[in-house]
Amino acid sequence: MTETDAGTVWRAYTGRGLPSILETALACFMEHGYHGTTIRTVASRAELSVPGLYYHYASKQALLVAIVSHAMEDLWRRSTAALEEAGDDTRRRLDLLVECLVLFHAHQRDLAFIAYSEIRSLTGEARTAYIAARDRQQRLMDRVVEDGVTRGAFTTPYPREASRAVVTMCTGVSQWYRAGGEHSPRELAERYRAMTRMTVGVTPGE
């Protein structure tokens, strides 16, 4: 994959890529919450019978698991493509990973919000798998910041805490961002890149 191809892959947002049933379930979860949504509501909105919905997804939990899994896999693919584009330049790896996180949580706000807020509703192996995916995603930023400190590119004395703070700041975009607001996703990403550089201790102007 060339740098241009990688940039096209992770910056492009033309839709969520969810099957129509999951799009419907996502809309219902956003409106009513997971526990406030019934299978009958999703089926009706999807113009299916309840048995027809169960043919595709065995339960409401299965709908949530499919949505959350899609969100985490999409974010992972975009994040690794952003890092591939950045190459070995430590500061660029930080910049592009932050840009990727902000763009995802702005463009895919509903998807990211449900993946974050409804972890409490996941059960058993699904919850364990989600936590593993979340931790794997966090480790991408951990390694970037730790590598920057090792190389002397970042001066923070608290790389692990700084990494967590950056990811929390970026993922929080899904909780408040609205399309058509003061800043576009790209403009917001640039601001977050600047704030992140200050957080990890990149000297201004470098």
C-alpha atoms as a PDB file:
ATOM      1  CA  MET A   1       0.000   0.000   0.000  1.00  0.00           C
ATOM      2  CA  THR A   2       1.447   3.384  -0.970  1.00  0.00           C
ATOM      3  CA  GLU A   3       1.310   6.449   1.279  1.00  0.00           C
ATOM      4  CA  THR A   4      -1.428   7.942  -0.932  1.00  0.00           C
ATOM      5  CA  ASP A   5      -3.473   4.733  -0.816  1.00  0.00           C
ATOM      6  CA  ALA A   6      -3.131   4.505   2.967  1.00  0.00           C
ATOM      7  CA  GLY A   7      -4.231   8.113   3.424  1.00  0.00           C
ATOM      8  CA  THR A   8      -7.252   7.555   1.208  1.00  0.00           C
ATOM      9  CA  VAL A   9      -8.273   4.464   3.157  1.00  0.00           C
ATOM     10  CA  TRP A  10      -8.262   5.901   6.652  1.00  0.00           C
ATOM     11  CA  ARG A  11      -9.439   9.455   5.914  1.00  0.00           C
ATOM     12  CA  ALA A  12     -12.383   8.499   3.693  1.00  0.00           C
ATOM     13  CA  TYR A  13     -15.879   8.488   5.204  1.00  0.00           C
ATOM     14  CA  THR A  14     -18.730   7.686   2.832  1.00  0.00           C
ATOM     15  CA  GLY A  15     -20.920   5.788   5.298  1.00  0.00           C
ATOM     16  CA  ARG A  16     -20.691   3.424   8.233  1.00  0.00           C
ATOM     17  CA  GLY A  17     -20.639   0.228   6.208  1.00  0.00           C
ATOM     18  CA  LEU A  18     -23.220  -1.393   8.457  1.00  0.00           C
ATOM     19  CA  PRO A  19     -25.919  -3.745   7.129  1.00  0.00           C
ATOM     20  CA  SER A  20     -29.317  -2.045   7.104  1.00  0.00           C
ATOM     21  CA  ILE A  21     -30.577  -3.984  10.130  1.00  0.00           C
ATOM     22  CA  LEU A  22     -27.615  -2.827  12.199  1.00  0.00           C
ATOM     23  CA  GLU A  23     -28.094   0.748  10.994  1.00  0.00           C
ATOM     24  CA  THR A  24     -31.659   0.534  12.252  1.00  0.00           C
ATOM     25  CA  ALA A  25     -30.596  -0.976  15.569  1.00  0.00           C
ATOM     26  CA  LEU A  26     -27.945   1.721  15.988  1.00  0.00           C
ATOM     27  CA  ALA A  27     -30.543   4.447  15.436  1.00  0.00           C
ATOM     28  CA  CYS A  28     -32.827   2.828  18.009  1.00  0.00           C
ATOM     29  CA  PHE A  29     -30.026   2.501  20.556  1.00  0.00           C
ATOM     30  CA  MET A  30     -29.152   6.177  20.066  1.00  0.00           C
ATOM     31  CA  GLU A  31     -32.781   7.202  20.585  1.00  0.00           C
ATOM     32  CA  HIS A  32     -33.771   4.907  23.438  1.00  0.00           C
ATOM     33  CA  GLY A  33     -30.581   3.373  24.794  1.00  0.00           C
ATOM     34  CA  TYR A  34     -29.825  -0.329  24.619  1.00  0.00           C
ATOM     35  CA  HIS A  35     -32.068  -1.300  27.530  1.00  0.00           C
ATOM     36  CA  GLY A  36     -34.863   0.981  26.358  1.00  0.00           C
ATOM     37  CA  THR A  37     -34.942  -0.617  22.896  1.00  0.00           C
ATOM     38  CA  THR A  38     -36.995  -3.727  22.220  1.00  0.00           C
ATOM     39  CA  ILE A  39     -36.491  -6.262  19.460  1.00  0.00           C
ATOM     40  CA  ARG A  40     -40.000  -5.455  18.294  1.00  0.00           C
ATOM     41  CA  THR A  41     -39.035  -1.789  17.870  1.00  0.00           C
ATOM     42  CA  VAL A  42     -35.976  -2.672  15.795  1.00  0.00           C
ATOM     43  CA  ALA A  43     -37.922  -5.149  13.693  1.00  0.00           C
ATOM     44  CA  SER A  44     -40.701  -2.651  13.018  1.00  0.00           C
ATOM     45  CA  ARG A  45     -38.253   0.091  12.038  1.00  0.00           C
ATOM     46  CA  ALA A  46     -36.404  -2.364   9.787  1.00  0.00           C
ATOM     47  CA  GLU A  47     -39.722  -3.443   8.209  1.00  0.00           C
ATOM     48  CA  LEU A  48     -39.243  -7.011   9.381  1.00  0.00           C
ATOM     49  CA  SER A  49     -41.215  -9.394  11.532  1.00  0.00           C
ATOM     50  CA  VAL A  50     -39.668 -10.332  14.860  1.00  0.00           C
ATOM     51  CA  PRO A  51     -38.926 -13.887  13.586  1.00  0.00           C
ATOM     52  CA  GLY A  52     -37.469 -12.287  10.450  1.00  0.00           C
ATOM     53  CA  LEU A  53     -35.083 -10.233  12.571  1.00  0.00           C
ATOM     54  CA  TYR A  54     -34.140 -13.266  14.654  1.00  0.00           C
ATOM     55  CA  TYR A  55     -33.230 -15.065  11.420  1.00  0.00           C
ATOM     56  CA  HIS A  56     -30.368 -12.578  10.978  1.00  0.00           C
ATOM     57  CA  TYR A  57     -29.493 -11.820  14.618  1.00  0.00           C
ATOM     58  CA  ALA A  58     -30.320 -14.188  17.450  1.00  0.00           C
ATOM     59  CA  SER A  59     -30.923 -11.521  20.098  1.00  0.00           C
ATOM     60  CA  LYS A  60     -30.720  -7.836  20.965  1.00  0.00           C
ATOM     61  CA  GLN A  61     -27.318  -8.604  22.487  1.00  0.00           C
ATOM     62  CA  ALA A  62     -26.192 -10.000  19.125  1.00  0.00           C
ATOM     63  CA  LEU A  63     -27.171  -6.708  17.482  1.00  0.00           C
ATOM     64  CA  LEU A  64     -25.103  -4.735  19.973  1.00  0.00           C
ATOM     65  CA  VAL A  65     -22.123  -7.082  19.659  1.00  0.00           C
ATOM     66  CA  ALA A  66     -22.168  -6.774  15.862  1.00  0.00           C
ATOM     67  CA  ILE A  67     -22.301  -2.957  16.049  1.00  0.00           C
ATOM     68  CA  VAL A  68     -19.518  -2.698  18.612  1.00  0.00           C
ATOM     69  CA  SER A  69     -17.328  -5.219  16.785  1.00  0.00           C
ATOM     70  CA  HIS A  70     -17.729  -3.298  13.547  1.00  0.00           C
ATOM     71  CA  ALA A  71     -16.773  -0.034  15.266  1.00  0.00           C
ATOM     72  CA  MET A  72     -13.636  -1.446  16.868  1.00  0.00           C
ATOM     73  CA  GLU A  73     -12.459  -3.223  13.716  1.00  0.00           C
ATOM     74  CA  ASP A  74     -13.034  -0.149  11.554  1.00  0.00           C
ATOM     75  CA  LEU A  75     -11.108   2.056  13.978  1.00  0.00           C
ATOM     76  CA  TRP A  76      -8.282  -0.487  14.143  1.00  0.00           C
ATOM     77  CA  ARG A  77      -7.961  -0.698  10.354  1.00  0.00           C
ATOM     78  CA  ARG A  78      -7.905   3.078  10.020  1.00  0.00           C
ATOM     79  CA  SER A  79      -5.424   3.521  12.869  1.00  0.00           C
ATOM     80  CA  THR A  80      -2.946   0.999  11.520  1.00  0.00           C
ATOM     81  CA  ALA A  81      -3.239   2.554   8.047  1.00  0.00           C
ATOM     82  CA  ALA A  82      -2.527   5.999   9.532  1.00  0.00           C
ATOM     83  CA  LEU A  83       0.581   4.672  11.269  1.00  0.00           C
ATOM     84  CA  GLU A  84       1.673   2.976   8.067  1.00  0.00           C
ATOM     85  CA  GLU A  85       1.406   6.289   6.250  1.00  0.00           C
ATOM     86  CA  ALA A  86       3.418   8.028   8.972  1.00  0.00           C
ATOM     87  CA  GLY A  87       6.356   5.652   8.680  1.00  0.00           C
ATOM     88  CA  ASP A  88       9.095   5.907  11.304  1.00  0.00           C
ATOM     89  CA  ASP A  89       8.780   9.635  12.035  1.00  0.00           C
ATOM     90  CA  THR A  90       7.738   9.731  15.706  1.00  0.00           C
ATOM     91  CA  ARG A  91       6.028  13.132  15.651  1.00  0.00           C
ATOM     92  CA  ARG A  92       4.191  12.287  12.448  1.00  0.00           C
ATOM     93  CA  ARG A  93       3.015   8.991  13.940  1.00  0.00           C
ATOM     94  CA  LEU A  94       1.543  10.933  16.853  1.00  0.00           C
ATOM     95  CA  ASP A  95      -0.059  13.524  14.570  1.00  0.00           C
ATOM     96  CA  LEU A  96      -1.666  11.026  12.221  1.00  0.00           C
ATOM     97  CA  LEU A  97      -2.912   8.699  14.943  1.00  0.00           C
ATOM     98  CA  VAL A  98      -4.570  11.638  16.714  1.00  0.00           C
ATOM     99  CA  GLU A  99      -6.025  12.823  13.409  1.00  0.00           C
ATOM    100  CA  CYS A 100      -7.382   9.330  12.779  1.00  0.00           C
ATOM    101  CA  LEU A 101      -9.010   9.129  16.212  1.00  0.00           C
ATOM    102  CA  VAL A 102     -10.641  12.543  15.930  1.00  0.00           C
ATOM    103  CA  LEU A 103     -11.916  11.984  12.388  1.00  0.00           C
ATOM    104  CA  PHE A 104     -13.400   8.627  13.364  1.00  0.00           C
ATOM    105  CA  HIS A 105     -15.149   9.916  16.474  1.00  0.00           C
ATOM    106  CA  ALA A 106     -16.533  12.924  14.590  1.00  0.00           C
ATOM    107  CA  HIS A 107     -17.609  11.203  11.355  1.00  0.00           C
ATOM    108  CA  GLN A 108     -18.788   8.018  13.092  1.00  0.00           C
ATOM    109  CA  ARG A 109     -20.162   9.760  16.142  1.00  0.00           C
ATOM    110  CA  ASP A 110     -23.199   7.529  16.719  1.00  0.00           C
ATOM    111  CA  LEU A 111     -21.251   4.322  16.146  1.00  0.00           C
ATOM    112  CA  ALA A 112     -18.411   5.404  18.438  1.00  0.00           C
ATOM    113  CA  PHE A 113     -20.788   6.696  21.100  1.00  0.00           C
ATOM    114  CA  ILE A 114     -22.680   3.405  21.351  1.00  0.00           C
ATOM    115  CA  ALA A 115     -19.443   1.406  21.355  1.00  0.00           C
ATOM    116  CA  TYR A 116     -18.220   3.516  24.274  1.00  0.00           C
ATOM    117  CA  SER A 117     -21.378   4.023  26.302  1.00  0.00           C
ATOM    118  CA  GLU A 118     -22.930   0.566  26.016  1.00  0.00           C
ATOM    119  CA  ILE A 119     -19.932  -1.469  27.173  1.00  0.00           C
ATOM    120  CA  ARG A 120     -21.962  -1.798  30.382  1.00  0.00           C
ATOM    121  CA  SER A 121     -24.557  -3.744  28.392  1.00  0.00           C
ATOM    122  CA  LEU A 122     -22.162  -6.299  26.917  1.00  0.00           C
ATOM    123  CA  THR A 123     -22.029  -9.643  28.681  1.00  0.00           C
ATOM    124  CA  GLY A 124     -19.742 -12.659  28.921  1.00  0.00           C
ATOM    125  CA  GLU A 125     -17.289 -13.286  26.105  1.00  0.00           C
ATOM    126  CA  ALA A 126     -18.551 -10.273  24.158  1.00  0.00           C
ATOM    127  CA  ARG A 127     -17.529  -7.944  26.975  1.00  0.00           C
ATOM    128  CA  THR A 128     -14.147  -9.660  27.284  1.00  0.00           C
ATOM    129  CA  ALA A 129     -13.558  -9.334  23.532  1.00  0.00           C
ATOM    130  CA  TYR A 130     -14.492  -5.663  23.566  1.00  0.00           C
ATOM    131  CA  ILE A 131     -12.113  -4.888  26.422  1.00  0.00           C
ATOM    132  CA  ALA A 132      -9.316  -6.710  24.585  1.00  0.00           C
ATOM    133  CA  ALA A 133     -10.006  -4.686  21.418  1.00  0.00           C
ATOM    134  CA  ARG A 134     -10.097  -1.452  23.395  1.00  0.00           C
ATOM    135  CA  ASP A 135      -6.807  -2.290  25.122  1.00  0.00           C
ATOM    136  CA  ARG A 136      -5.197  -3.214  21.792  1.00  0.00           C
ATOM    137  CA  GLN A 137      -6.247   0.158  20.398  1.00  0.00           C
ATOM    138  CA  GLN A 138      -4.866   1.988  23.448  1.00  0.00           C
ATOM    139  CA  ARG A 139      -1.514   0.248  23.066  1.00  0.00           C
ATOM    140  CA  LEU A 140      -1.041   1.877  19.667  1.00  0.00           C
ATOM    141  CA  MET A 141      -0.910   5.290  21.333  1.00  0.00           C
ATOM    142  CA  ASP A 142       1.092   3.944  24.283  1.00  0.00           C
ATOM    143  CA  ARG A 143       3.828   2.737  21.938  1.00  0.00           C
ATOM    144  CA  VAL A 144       3.915   5.998  19.975  1.00  0.00           C
ATOM    145  CA  VAL A 145       4.288   8.122  23.101  1.00  0.00           C
ATOM    146  CA  GLU A 146       6.767   5.777  24.796  1.00  0.00           C
ATOM    147  CA  ASP A 147       8.871   5.642  21.627  1.00  0.00           C
ATOM    148  CA  GLY A 148       8.814   9.442  21.399  1.00  0.00           C
ATOM    149  CA  VAL A 149      10.064   9.748  24.972  1.00  0.00           C
ATOM    150  CA  THR A 150      12.785   7.156  24.362  1.00  0.00           C
ATOM    151  CA  ARG A 151      13.987   9.012  21.268  1.00  0.00           C
ATOM    152  CA  GLY A 152      13.890  12.373  23.015  1.00  0.00           C
ATOM    153  CA  ALA A 153      11.150  13.714  20.730  1.00  0.00           C
ATOM    154  CA  PHE A 154       8.686  14.064  23.643  1.00  0.00           C
ATOM    155  CA  THR A 155       9.550  15.409  27.078  1.00  0.00           C
ATOM    156  CA  THR A 156       6.604  14.264  29.209  1.00  0.00           C
ATOM    157  CA  PRO A 157       7.761  12.507  32.397  1.00  0.00           C
ATOM    158  CA  TYR A 158       4.483  10.555  32.405  1.00  0.00           C
ATOM    159  CA  PRO A 159       4.187   8.801  29.025  1.00  0.00           C
ATOM    160  CA  ARG A 160       1.550   6.237  30.052  1.00  0.00           C
ATOM    161  CA  GLU A 161      -0.700   8.832  31.674  1.00  0.00           C
ATOM    162  CA  ALA A 162      -0.206  11.239  28.770  1.00  0.00           C
ATOM    163  CA  SER A 163      -1.168   8.508  26.313  1.00  0.00           C
ATOM    164  CA  ARG A 164      -4.361   7.732  28.198  1.00  0.00           C
ATOM    165  CA  ALA A 165      -5.218  11.425  28.436  1.00  0.00           C
ATOM    166  CA  VAL A 166      -4.778  11.883  24.679  1.00  0.00           C
ATOM    167  CA  VAL A 167      -6.957   8.893  23.805  1.00  0.00           C
ATOM    168  CA  THR A 168      -9.646   9.953  26.287  1.00  0.00           C
ATOM    169  CA  MET A 169      -9.662  13.452  24.807  1.00  0.00           C
ATOM    170  CA  CYS A 170      -9.964  12.140  21.248  1.00  0.00           C
ATOM    171  CA  THR A 171     -12.615   9.514  21.919  1.00  0.00           C
ATOM    172  CA  GLY A 172     -14.642  12.063  23.874  1.00  0.00           C
ATOM    173  CA  VAL A 173     -15.371  13.862  20.589  1.00  0.00           C
ATOM    174  CA  SER A 174     -18.211  11.394  19.955  1.00  0.00           C
ATOM    175  CA  GLN A 175     -20.013  12.637  23.061  1.00  0.00           C
ATOM    176  CA  TRP A 176     -20.410  16.226  21.920  1.00  0.00           C
ATOM    177  CA  TYR A 177     -19.559  16.680  18.243  1.00  0.00           C
ATOM    178  CA  ARG A 178     -22.334  17.703  15.872  1.00  0.00           C
ATOM    179  CA  ALA A 179     -22.034  18.023  12.105  1.00  0.00           C
ATOM    180  CA  GLY A 180     -22.413  21.602  10.944  1.00  0.00           C
ATOM    181  CA  GLY A 181     -20.922  22.984  14.136  1.00  0.00           C
ATOM    182  CA  GLU A 182     -18.154  25.524  14.558  1.00  0.00           C
ATOM    183  CA  HIS A 183     -15.385  23.289  13.209  1.00  0.00           C
ATOM    184  CA  SER A 184     -15.226  20.608  10.545  1.00  0.00           C
ATOM    185  CA  PRO A 185     -13.761  17.237  11.531  1.00  0.00           C
ATOM    186  CA  ARG A 186     -10.524  18.133   9.729  1.00  0.00           C
ATOM    187  CA  GLU A 187     -10.249  21.483  11.524  1.00  0.00           C
ATOM    188  CA  LEU A 188     -10.980  19.816  14.840  1.00  0.00           C
ATOM    189  CA  ALA A 189      -8.329  17.193  14.181  1.00  0.00           C
ATOM    190  CA  GLU A 190      -5.724  19.892  13.607  1.00  0.00           C
ATOM    191  CA  ARG A 191      -6.571  21.550  16.918  1.00  0.00           C
ATOM    192  CA  TYR A 192      -6.349  18.214  18.730  1.00  0.00           C
ATOM    193  CA  ARG A 193      -3.005  17.526  17.110  1.00  0.00           C
ATOM    194  CA  ALA A 194      -1.719  20.819  18.520  1.00  0.00           C
ATOM    195  CA  MET A 195      -3.110  20.083  21.986  1.00  0.00           C
ATOM    196  CA  THR A 196      -1.624  16.595  21.920  1.00  0.00           C
ATOM    197  CA  ARG A 197       1.826  17.914  21.072  1.00  0.00           C
ATOM    198  CA  MET A 198       1.647  20.103  24.173  1.00  0.00           C
ATOM    199  CA  THR A 199       0.437  17.166  26.275  1.00  0.00           C
ATOM    200  CA  VAL A 200       3.378  14.931  25.382  1.00  0.00           C
ATOM    201  CA  GLY A 201       5.918  17.756  25.471  1.00  0.00           C
ATOM    202  CA  VAL A 202       6.779  18.449  21.843  1.00  0.00           C
ATOM    203  CA  THR A 203       8.620  21.770  21.667  1.00  0.00           C
ATOM    204  CA  PRO A 204       6.406  24.352  19.843  1.00  0.00           C
ATOM    205  CA  GLY A 205       7.552  24.909  16.294  1.00  0.00           C
ATOM    206  CA  GLU A 206       9.356  21.600  15.957  1.00  0.00           C
END
